[in-house]
């Protein structure tokens, strides 16, 4: 009877290890994907750090400061951060295509 219980505990431990490895792998894949989309790991961390407290609030209003992000310039080769362009003049970011 004792041998049977030890085998069950070992099997449950293997399942937990497998689930842990799977979740860890998914987290790494998600972070790499987010880093590519954001422009780098540093930008991904800043994006997540800003987004988590504000995700469900929906309290941005006209005139609020924009969250900082790296944006591609019109030429497609250069990038800039929003904080570099928000000085004395307003910045308009258009999401979409005019083609």
PDB file of N, CA and C in Angstrom:
ATOM      1  N   UNK A   1       0.822  -1.193   0.000  1.00  0.00           N
ATOM      2  CA  UNK A   1       0.000   0.000   0.000  1.00  0.00           C
ATOM      3  C   UNK A   1       0.870   1.263   0.000  1.00  0.00           C
ATOM      4  N   UNK A   2       1.932   1.258   0.817  1.00  0.00           N
ATOM      5  CA  UNK A   2       2.816   2.426   0.907  1.00  0.00           C
ATOM      6  C   UNK A   2       3.526   2.669  -0.417  1.00  0.00           C
ATOM      7  N   UNK A   3       3.927   1.617  -1.084  1.00  0.00           N
ATOM      8  CA  UNK A   3       4.600   1.743  -2.379  1.00  0.00           C
ATOM      9  C   UNK A   3       3.670   2.390  -3.412  1.00  0.00           C
ATOM     10  N   UNK A   4       2.395   2.034  -3.368  1.00  0.00           N
ATOM     11  CA  UNK A   4       1.402   2.593  -4.274  1.00  0.00           C
ATOM     12  C   UNK A   4       1.268   4.101  -4.058  1.00  0.00           C
ATOM     13  N   UNK A   5       1.238   4.564  -2.811  1.00  0.00           N
ATOM     14  CA  UNK A   5       1.120   5.982  -2.499  1.00  0.00           C
ATOM     15  C   UNK A   5       2.347   6.753  -2.964  1.00  0.00           C
ATOM     16  N   UNK A   6       3.537   6.173  -2.797  1.00  0.00           N
ATOM     17  CA  UNK A   6       4.761   6.828  -3.253  1.00  0.00           C
ATOM     18  C   UNK A   6       4.731   6.999  -4.763  1.00  0.00           C
ATOM     19  N   UNK A   7       4.274   6.000  -5.490  1.00  0.00           N
ATOM     20  CA  UNK A   7       4.171   6.105  -6.948  1.00  0.00           C
ATOM     21  C   UNK A   7       3.177   7.178  -7.357  1.00  0.00           C
ATOM     22  N   UNK A   8       2.053   7.283  -6.628  1.00  0.00           N
ATOM     23  CA  UNK A   8       1.064   8.328  -6.935  1.00  0.00           C
ATOM     24  C   UNK A   8       1.648   9.721  -6.714  1.00  0.00           C
ATOM     25  N   UNK A   9       2.379   9.896  -5.618  1.00  0.00           N
ATOM     26  CA  UNK A   9       2.991  11.194  -5.314  1.00  0.00           C
ATOM     27  C   UNK A   9       4.005  11.555  -6.392  1.00  0.00           C
ATOM     28  N   UNK A  10       4.784  10.600  -6.839  1.00  0.00           N
ATOM     29  CA  UNK A  10       5.754  10.861  -7.904  1.00  0.00           C
ATOM     30  C   UNK A  10       5.067  11.254  -9.202  1.00  0.00           C
ATOM     31  N   UNK A  11       3.967  10.580  -9.523  1.00  0.00           N
ATOM     32  CA  UNK A  11       3.228  10.926 -10.749  1.00  0.00           C
ATOM     33  C   UNK A  11       2.642  12.331 -10.666  1.00  0.00           C
ATOM     34  N   UNK A  12       2.070  12.686  -9.509  1.00  0.00           N
ATOM     35  CA  UNK A  12       1.509  14.028  -9.332  1.00  0.00           C
ATOM     36  C   UNK A  12       2.633  15.072  -9.432  1.00  0.00           C
ATOM     37  N   UNK A  13       3.792  14.768  -8.866  1.00  0.00           N
ATOM     38  CA  UNK A  13       4.930  15.678  -8.966  1.00  0.00           C
ATOM     39  C   UNK A  13       5.363  15.883 -10.400  1.00  0.00           C
ATOM     40  N   UNK A  14       5.362  14.824 -11.195  1.00  0.00           N
ATOM     41  CA  UNK A  14       5.719  14.949 -12.614  1.00  0.00           C
ATOM     42  C   UNK A  14       4.719  15.819 -13.352  1.00  0.00           C
ATOM     43  N   UNK A  15       3.455  15.687 -13.002  1.00  0.00           N
ATOM     44  CA  UNK A  15       2.418  16.513 -13.649  1.00  0.00           C
ATOM     45  C   UNK A  15       2.644  17.981 -13.313  1.00  0.00           C
ATOM     46  N   UNK A  16       2.917  18.279 -12.030  1.00  0.00           N
ATOM     47  CA  UNK A  16       3.162  19.669 -11.634  1.00  0.00           C
ATOM     48  C   UNK A  16       4.396  20.242 -12.325  1.00  0.00           C
ATOM     49  N   UNK A  17       5.435  19.465 -12.463  1.00  0.00           N
ATOM     50  CA  UNK A  17       6.645  19.922 -13.154  1.00  0.00           C
ATOM     51  C   UNK A  17       6.321  20.202 -14.620  1.00  0.00           C
ATOM     52  N   UNK A  18       5.562  19.331 -15.255  1.00  0.00           N
ATOM     53  CA  UNK A  18       5.177  19.529 -16.656  1.00  0.00           C
ATOM     54  C   UNK A  18       4.338  20.778 -16.848  1.00  0.00           C
ATOM     55  N   UNK A  19       3.386  21.000 -15.941  1.00  0.00           N
ATOM     56  CA  UNK A  19       2.544  22.199 -16.019  1.00  0.00           C
ATOM     57  C   UNK A  19       3.396  23.445 -15.788  1.00  0.00           C
ATOM     58  N   UNK A  20       4.319  23.396 -14.834  1.00  0.00           N
ATOM     59  CA  UNK A  20       5.190  24.543 -14.566  1.00  0.00           C
ATOM     60  C   UNK A  20       6.074  24.886 -15.747  1.00  0.00           C
ATOM     61  N   UNK A  21       6.635  23.865 -16.377  1.00  0.00           N
ATOM     62  CA  UNK A  21       7.479  24.097 -17.562  1.00  0.00           C
ATOM     63  C   UNK A  21       6.645  24.675 -18.701  1.00  0.00           C
ATOM     64  N   UNK A  22       5.432  24.155 -18.880  1.00  0.00           N
ATOM     65  CA  UNK A  22       4.559  24.664 -19.945  1.00  0.00           C
ATOM     66  C   UNK A  22       4.195  26.124 -19.711  1.00  0.00           C
ATOM     67  N   UNK A  23       3.822  26.465 -18.479  1.00  0.00           N
ATOM     68  CA  UNK A  23       3.473  27.860 -18.182  1.00  0.00           C
ATOM     69  C   UNK A  23       4.678  28.783 -18.327  1.00  0.00           C
ATOM     70  N   UNK A  24       5.837  28.331 -17.889  1.00  0.00           N
ATOM     71  CA  UNK A  24       7.054  29.131 -18.046  1.00  0.00           C
ATOM     72  C   UNK A  24       7.376  29.382 -19.506  1.00  0.00           C
ATOM     73  N   UNK A  25       7.235  28.348 -20.316  1.00  0.00           N
ATOM     74  CA  UNK A  25       7.488  28.478 -21.750  1.00  0.00           C
ATOM     75  C   UNK A  25       6.510  29.466 -22.383  1.00  0.00           C
ATOM     76  N   UNK A  26       5.233  29.378 -22.008  1.00  0.00           N
ATOM     77  CA  UNK A  26       4.240  30.315 -22.546  1.00  0.00           C
ATOM     78  C   UNK A  26       4.541  31.756 -22.131  1.00  0.00           C
ATOM     79  N   UNK A  27       4.978  31.956 -20.901  1.00  0.00           N
ATOM     80  CA  UNK A  27       5.326  33.303 -20.456  1.00  0.00           C
ATOM     81  C   UNK A  27       6.517  33.864 -21.229  1.00  0.00           C
ATOM     82  N   UNK A  28       7.513  33.034 -21.479  1.00  0.00           N
ATOM     83  CA  UNK A  28       8.679  33.486 -22.245  1.00  0.00           C
ATOM     84  C   UNK A  28       8.271  33.832 -23.674  1.00  0.00           C
ATOM     85  N   UNK A  29       7.448  32.992 -24.297  1.00  0.00           N
ATOM     86  CA  UNK A  29       6.986  33.260 -25.664  1.00  0.00           C
ATOM     87  C   UNK A  29       6.177  34.554 -25.704  1.00  0.00           C
ATOM     88  N   UNK A  30       5.293  34.765 -24.713  1.00  0.00           N
ATOM     89  CA  UNK A  30       4.492  35.986 -24.666  1.00  0.00           C
ATOM     90  C   UNK A  30       5.379  37.219 -24.505  1.00  0.00           C
ATOM     91  N   UNK A  31       6.398  37.129 -23.645  1.00  0.00           N
ATOM     92  CA  UNK A  31       7.282  38.278 -23.440  1.00  0.00           C
ATOM     93  C   UNK A  31       8.095  38.583 -24.688  1.00  0.00           C
ATOM     94  N   UNK A  32       8.591  37.559 -25.357  1.00  0.00           N
ATOM     95  CA  UNK A  32       9.362  37.779 -26.587  1.00  0.00           C
ATOM     96  C   UNK A  32       8.469  38.406 -27.653  1.00  0.00           C
ATOM     97  N   UNK A  33       7.254  37.907 -27.789  1.00  0.00           N
ATOM     98  CA  UNK A  33       6.318  38.469 -28.772  1.00  0.00           C
ATOM     99  C   UNK A  33       6.008  39.921 -28.448  1.00  0.00           C
ATOM    100  N   UNK A  34       5.736  40.208 -27.179  1.00  0.00           N
ATOM    101  CA  UNK A  34       5.452  41.583 -26.776  1.00  0.00           C
ATOM    102  C   UNK A  34       6.663  42.483 -26.986  1.00  0.00           C
ATOM    103  N   UNK A  35       7.853  41.958 -26.752  1.00  0.00           N
ATOM    104  CA  UNK A  35       9.071  42.745 -26.974  1.00  0.00           C
ATOM    105  C   UNK A  35       9.251  43.095 -28.438  1.00  0.00           C
ATOM    106  N   UNK A  36       8.973  42.153 -29.310  1.00  0.00           N
ATOM    107  CA  UNK A  36       9.078  42.416 -30.753  1.00  0.00           C
ATOM    108  C   UNK A  36       8.050  43.463 -31.165  1.00  0.00           C
ATOM    109  N   UNK A  37       6.835  43.340 -30.667  1.00  0.00           N
ATOM    110  CA  UNK A  37       5.775  44.288 -31.026  1.00  0.00           C
ATOM    111  C   UNK A  37       6.055  45.687 -30.475  1.00  0.00           C
ATOM    112  N   UNK A  38       6.639  45.770 -29.275  1.00  0.00           N
ATOM    113  CA  UNK A  38       6.863  47.069 -28.637  1.00  0.00           C
ATOM    114  C   UNK A  38       8.150  47.733 -29.095  1.00  0.00           C
ATOM    115  N   UNK A  39       9.062  46.985 -29.698  1.00  0.00           N
ATOM    116  CA  UNK A  39      10.307  47.569 -30.161  1.00  0.00           C
ATOM    117  C   UNK A  39      11.505  47.169 -29.332  1.00  0.00           C
ATOM    118  N   UNK A  40      11.314  46.400 -28.300  1.00  0.00           N
ATOM    119  CA  UNK A  40      12.420  45.932 -27.470  1.00  0.00           C
ATOM    120  C   UNK A  40      11.931  45.539 -26.091  1.00  0.00           C
ATOM    121  N   UNK A  41      12.736  44.792 -25.348  1.00  0.00           N
ATOM    122  CA  UNK A  41      12.307  44.339 -24.024  1.00  0.00           C
ATOM    123  C   UNK A  41      12.038  45.484 -23.045  1.00  0.00           C
ATOM    124  N   UNK A  42      12.853  46.528 -23.114  1.00  0.00           N
ATOM    125  CA  UNK A  42      12.662  47.666 -22.216  1.00  0.00           C
ATOM    126  C   UNK A  42      11.319  48.336 -22.472  1.00  0.00           C
ATOM    127  N   UNK A  43      10.978  48.539 -23.744  1.00  0.00           N
ATOM    128  CA  UNK A  43       9.696  49.156 -24.088  1.00  0.00           C
ATOM    129  C   UNK A  43       8.534  48.254 -23.697  1.00  0.00           C
ATOM    130  N   UNK A  44       8.705  46.925 -23.831  1.00  0.00           N
ATOM    131  CA  UNK A  44       7.647  45.994 -23.434  1.00  0.00           C
ATOM    132  C   UNK A  44       7.394  46.087 -21.931  1.00  0.00           C
ATOM    133  N   UNK A  45       8.462  46.160 -21.142  1.00  0.00           N
ATOM    134  CA  UNK A  45       8.289  46.279 -19.687  1.00  0.00           C
ATOM    135  C   UNK A  45       7.606  47.588 -19.322  1.00  0.00           C
ATOM    136  N   UNK A  46       8.004  48.687 -19.964  1.00  0.00           N
ATOM    137  CA  UNK A  46       7.345  49.961 -19.687  1.00  0.00           C
ATOM    138  C   UNK A  46       5.880  49.923 -20.096  1.00  0.00           C
ATOM    139  N   UNK A  47       5.590  49.281 -21.218  1.00  0.00           N
ATOM    140  CA  UNK A  47       4.211  49.194 -21.682  1.00  0.00           C
ATOM    141  C   UNK A  47       3.362  48.394 -20.693  1.00  0.00           C
ATOM    142  N   UNK A  48       3.896  47.267 -20.230  1.00  0.00           N
ATOM    143  CA  UNK A  48       3.153  46.449 -19.268  1.00  0.00           C
ATOM    144  C   UNK A  48       3.023  47.193 -17.942  1.00  0.00           C
ATOM    145  N   UNK A  49       4.091  47.841 -17.513  1.00  0.00           N
ATOM    146  CA  UNK A  49       4.050  48.586 -16.253  1.00  0.00           C
ATOM    147  C   UNK A  49       3.001  49.681 -16.299  1.00  0.00           C
ATOM    148  N   UNK A  50       2.852  50.341 -17.435  1.00  0.00           N
ATOM    149  CA  UNK A  50       1.841  51.382 -17.557  1.00  0.00           C
ATOM    150  C   UNK A  50       0.446  50.786 -17.709  1.00  0.00           C
ATOM    151  N   UNK A  51       0.336  49.702 -18.471  1.00  0.00           N
ATOM    152  CA  UNK A  51      -0.981  49.175 -18.817  1.00  0.00           C
ATOM    153  C   UNK A  51      -1.659  48.453 -17.660  1.00  0.00           C
ATOM    154  N   UNK A  52      -0.920  47.721 -16.853  1.00  0.00           N
ATOM    155  CA  UNK A  52      -1.557  46.914 -15.809  1.00  0.00           C
ATOM    156  C   UNK A  52      -2.417  47.726 -14.849  1.00  0.00           C
ATOM    157  N   UNK A  53      -1.949  48.840 -14.310  1.00  0.00           N
ATOM    158  CA  UNK A  53      -2.835  49.571 -13.389  1.00  0.00           C
ATOM    159  C   UNK A  53      -4.019  50.245 -14.082  1.00  0.00           C
ATOM    160  N   UNK A  54      -3.930  50.475 -15.382  1.00  0.00           N
ATOM    161  CA  UNK A  54      -4.961  51.234 -16.089  1.00  0.00           C
ATOM    162  C   UNK A  54      -5.806  50.390 -17.028  1.00  0.00           C
ATOM    163  N   UNK A  55      -5.631  49.076 -17.024  1.00  0.00           N
ATOM    164  CA  UNK A  55      -6.277  48.250 -18.039  1.00  0.00           C
ATOM    165  C   UNK A  55      -7.797  48.339 -18.025  1.00  0.00           C
ATOM    166  N   UNK A  56      -8.392  48.309 -16.875  1.00  0.00           N
ATOM    167  CA  UNK A  56      -9.851  48.221 -16.821  1.00  0.00           C
ATOM    168  C   UNK A  56     -10.501  49.518 -16.365  1.00  0.00           C
ATOM    169  N   UNK A  57      -9.711  50.519 -16.137  1.00  0.00           N
ATOM    170  CA  UNK A  57     -10.273  51.769 -15.646  1.00  0.00           C
ATOM    171  C   UNK A  57     -10.931  52.569 -16.755  1.00  0.00           C
ATOM    172  N   UNK A  58     -10.260  52.707 -17.884  1.00  0.00           N
ATOM    173  CA  UNK A  58     -10.811  53.488 -18.982  1.00  0.00           C
ATOM    174  C   UNK A  58     -11.001  54.945 -18.613  1.00  0.00           C
ATOM    175  N   UNK A  59     -10.025  55.537 -17.923  1.00  0.00           N
ATOM    176  CA  UNK A  59     -10.207  56.896 -17.426  1.00  0.00           C
ATOM    177  C   UNK A  59      -9.385  57.942 -18.177  1.00  0.00           C
ATOM    178  N   UNK A  60      -8.854  57.604 -19.355  1.00  0.00           N
ATOM    179  CA  UNK A  60      -8.143  58.610 -20.141  1.00  0.00           C
ATOM    180  C   UNK A  60      -9.142  59.590 -20.740  1.00  0.00           C
ATOM    181  N   UNK A  61      -8.798  60.856 -20.645  1.00  0.00           N
ATOM    182  CA  UNK A  61      -9.678  61.900 -21.150  1.00  0.00           C
ATOM    183  C   UNK A  61      -8.882  62.801 -22.093  1.00  0.00           C
ATOM    184  N   UNK A  62      -9.567  63.618 -22.833  1.00  0.00           N
ATOM    185  CA  UNK A  62      -8.921  64.565 -23.726  1.00  0.00           C
ATOM    186  C   UNK A  62      -8.012  65.462 -22.907  1.00  0.00           C
ATOM    187  N   UNK A  63      -6.774  65.594 -23.362  1.00  0.00           N
ATOM    188  CA  UNK A  63      -5.808  66.428 -22.672  1.00  0.00           C
ATOM    189  C   UNK A  63      -4.895  65.671 -21.734  1.00  0.00           C
ATOM    190  N   UNK A  64      -5.181  64.386 -21.455  1.00  0.00           N
ATOM    191  CA  UNK A  64      -4.311  63.584 -20.595  1.00  0.00           C
ATOM    192  C   UNK A  64      -3.004  63.288 -21.316  1.00  0.00           C
ATOM    193  N   UNK A  65      -1.960  63.040 -20.557  1.00  0.00           N
ATOM    194  CA  UNK A  65      -0.667  62.681 -21.138  1.00  0.00           C
ATOM    195  C   UNK A  65      -0.751  61.300 -21.769  1.00  0.00           C
ATOM    196  N   UNK A  66      -0.125  61.169 -22.912  1.00  0.00           N
ATOM    197  CA  UNK A  66      -0.119  59.884 -23.605  1.00  0.00           C
ATOM    198  C   UNK A  66       0.887  58.946 -22.951  1.00  0.00           C
ATOM    199  N   UNK A  67       0.602  57.639 -22.939  1.00  0.00           N
ATOM    200  CA  UNK A  67       1.609  56.697 -22.450  1.00  0.00           C
ATOM    201  C   UNK A  67       2.796  56.687 -23.399  1.00  0.00           C
ATOM    202  N   UNK A  68       3.985  56.521 -22.851  1.00  0.00           N
ATOM    203  CA  UNK A  68       5.179  56.549 -23.690  1.00  0.00           C
ATOM    204  C   UNK A  68       5.309  55.237 -24.450  1.00  0.00           C
ATOM    205  N   UNK A  69       5.655  55.326 -25.707  1.00  0.00           N
ATOM    206  CA  UNK A  69       5.855  54.148 -26.554  1.00  0.00           C
ATOM    207  C   UNK A  69       6.800  54.520 -27.670  1.00  0.00           C
ATOM    208  N   UNK A  70       7.401  53.522 -28.283  1.00  0.00           N
ATOM    209  CA  UNK A  70       8.253  53.745 -29.459  1.00  0.00           C
ATOM    210  C   UNK A  70       7.353  53.624 -30.686  1.00  0.00           C
ATOM    211  N   UNK A  71       7.410  54.619 -31.539  1.00  0.00           N
ATOM    212  CA  UNK A  71       6.557  54.672 -32.729  1.00  0.00           C
ATOM    213  C   UNK A  71       7.448  54.751 -33.953  1.00  0.00           C
ATOM    214  N   UNK A  72       7.041  54.053 -35.017  1.00  0.00           N
ATOM    215  CA  UNK A  72       7.781  54.122 -36.276  1.00  0.00           C
ATOM    216  C   UNK A  72       7.443  55.422 -36.992  1.00  0.00           C
ATOM    217  N   UNK A  73       8.466  56.031 -37.565  1.00  0.00           N
ATOM    218  CA  UNK A  73       8.281  57.268 -38.327  1.00  0.00           C
ATOM    219  C   UNK A  73       7.635  56.943 -39.673  1.00  0.00           C
ATOM    220  N   UNK A  74       7.253  57.975 -40.390  1.00  0.00           N
ATOM    221  CA  UNK A  74       6.586  57.781 -41.675  1.00  0.00           C
ATOM    222  C   UNK A  74       7.443  57.057 -42.691  1.00  0.00           C
ATOM    223  N   UNK A  75       8.768  57.211 -42.598  1.00  0.00           N
ATOM    224  CA  UNK A  75       9.631  56.530 -43.555  1.00  0.00           C
ATOM    225  C   UNK A  75       9.737  55.031 -43.270  1.00  0.00           C
ATOM    226  N   UNK A  76       9.271  54.588 -42.109  1.00  0.00           N
ATOM    227  CA  UNK A  76       9.286  53.168 -41.774  1.00  0.00           C
ATOM    228  C   UNK A  76      10.611  52.675 -41.234  1.00  0.00           C
ATOM    229  N   UNK A  77      11.663  53.469 -41.338  1.00  0.00           N
ATOM    230  CA  UNK A  77      12.975  53.034 -40.884  1.00  0.00           C
ATOM    231  C   UNK A  77      13.302  53.600 -39.505  1.00  0.00           C
ATOM    232  N   UNK A  78      12.955  54.847 -39.292  1.00  0.00           N
ATOM    233  CA  UNK A  78      13.279  55.491 -38.024  1.00  0.00           C
ATOM    234  C   UNK A  78      12.179  55.300 -36.988  1.00  0.00           C
ATOM    235  N   UNK A  79      12.556  55.418 -35.730  1.00  0.00           N
ATOM    236  CA  UNK A  79      11.585  55.356 -34.643  1.00  0.00           C
ATOM    237  C   UNK A  79      11.814  56.531 -33.707  1.00  0.00           C
ATOM    238  N   UNK A  80      10.804  56.826 -32.909  1.00  0.00           N
ATOM    239  CA  UNK A  80      10.934  57.851 -31.885  1.00  0.00           C
ATOM    240  C   UNK A  80       9.998  57.507 -30.731  1.00  0.00           C
ATOM    241  N   UNK A  81      10.289  58.072 -29.577  1.00  0.00           N
ATOM    242  CA  UNK A  81       9.424  57.906 -28.420  1.00  0.00           C
ATOM    243  C   UNK A  81       8.462  59.082 -28.353  1.00  0.00           C
ATOM    244  N   UNK A  82       7.263  58.827 -27.891  1.00  0.00           N
ATOM    245  CA  UNK A  82       6.265  59.886 -27.794  1.00  0.00           C
ATOM    246  C   UNK A  82       6.789  61.034 -26.936  1.00  0.00           C
ATOM    247  N   UNK A  83       7.495  60.707 -25.844  1.00  0.00           N
ATOM    248  CA  UNK A  83       7.979  61.766 -24.943  1.00  0.00           C
ATOM    249  C   UNK A  83       8.962  62.701 -25.629  1.00  0.00           C
ATOM    250  N   UNK A  84       9.588  62.257 -26.753  1.00  0.00           N
ATOM    251  CA  UNK A  84      10.508  63.130 -27.484  1.00  0.00           C
ATOM    252  C   UNK A  84       9.752  64.184 -28.283  1.00  0.00           C
ATOM    253  N   UNK A  85       8.515  63.905 -28.645  1.00  0.00           N
ATOM    254  CA  UNK A  85       7.768  64.814 -29.517  1.00  0.00           C
ATOM    255  C   UNK A  85       6.717  65.641 -28.785  1.00  0.00           C
ATOM    256  N   UNK A  86       6.430  65.328 -27.543  1.00  0.00           N
ATOM    257  CA  UNK A  86       5.383  66.062 -26.830  1.00  0.00           C
ATOM    258  C   UNK A  86       5.996  67.185 -26.012  1.00  0.00           C
ATOM    259  N   UNK A  87       6.460  68.183 -26.695  1.00  0.00           N
ATOM    260  CA  UNK A  87       7.003  69.366 -26.031  1.00  0.00           C
ATOM    261  C   UNK A  87       5.921  70.428 -25.953  1.00  0.00           C
ATOM    262  N   UNK A  88       6.116  71.513 -26.674  1.00  0.00           N
ATOM    263  CA  UNK A  88       5.157  72.611 -26.658  1.00  0.00           C
ATOM    264  C   UNK A  88       4.011  72.393 -27.642  1.00  0.00           C
ATOM    265  N   UNK A  89       4.203  71.497 -28.607  1.00  0.00           N
ATOM    266  CA  UNK A  89       3.173  71.281 -29.625  1.00  0.00           C
ATOM    267  C   UNK A  89       2.450  69.964 -29.369  1.00  0.00           C
ATOM    268  N   UNK A  90       1.196  69.892 -29.750  1.00  0.00           N
ATOM    269  CA  UNK A  90       0.468  68.617 -29.591  1.00  0.00           C
ATOM    270  C   UNK A  90       0.945  67.599 -30.625  1.00  0.00           C
ATOM    271  N   UNK A  91       0.821  66.343 -30.304  1.00  0.00           N
ATOM    272  CA  UNK A  91       1.193  65.244 -31.197  1.00  0.00           C
ATOM    273  C   UNK A  91      -0.057  64.453 -31.527  1.00  0.00           C
ATOM    274  N   UNK A  92      -0.276  64.228 -32.823  1.00  0.00           N
ATOM    275  CA  UNK A  92      -1.423  63.434 -33.263  1.00  0.00           C
ATOM    276  C   UNK A  92      -0.898  62.133 -33.810  1.00  0.00           C
ATOM    277  N   UNK A  93      -1.358  61.021 -33.256  1.00  0.00           N
ATOM    278  CA  UNK A  93      -0.980  59.692 -33.719  1.00  0.00           C
ATOM    279  C   UNK A  93      -2.194  59.066 -34.365  1.00  0.00           C
ATOM    280  N   UNK A  94      -2.053  58.703 -35.644  1.00  0.00           N
ATOM    281  CA  UNK A  94      -3.154  58.118 -36.406  1.00  0.00           C
ATOM    282  C   UNK A  94      -2.889  56.636 -36.560  1.00  0.00           C
ATOM    283  N   UNK A  95      -3.801  55.808 -36.112  1.00  0.00           N
ATOM    284  CA  UNK A  95      -3.689  54.360 -36.267  1.00  0.00           C
ATOM    285  C   UNK A  95      -4.565  53.979 -37.447  1.00  0.00           C
ATOM    286  N   UNK A  96      -3.932  53.572 -38.530  1.00  0.00           N
ATOM    287  CA  UNK A  96      -4.694  53.201 -39.720  1.00  0.00           C
ATOM    288  C   UNK A  96      -3.887  53.434 -40.959  1.00  0.00           C
ATOM    289  N   UNK A  97      -4.539  53.286 -42.089  1.00  0.00           N
ATOM    290  CA  UNK A  97      -3.875  53.430 -43.370  1.00  0.00           C
ATOM    291  C   UNK A  97      -4.680  54.370 -44.270  1.00  0.00           C
ATOM    292  N   UNK A  98      -3.986  55.149 -45.042  1.00  0.00           N
ATOM    293  CA  UNK A  98      -4.655  56.065 -45.962  1.00  0.00           C
ATOM    294  C   UNK A  98      -4.490  55.615 -47.402  1.00  0.00           C
ATOM    295  N   UNK A  99      -4.178  54.357 -47.602  1.00  0.00           N
ATOM    296  CA  UNK A  99      -3.993  53.860 -48.968  1.00  0.00           C
ATOM    297  C   UNK A  99      -5.220  53.182 -49.482  1.00  0.00           C
TER     298      UNK A  99
END
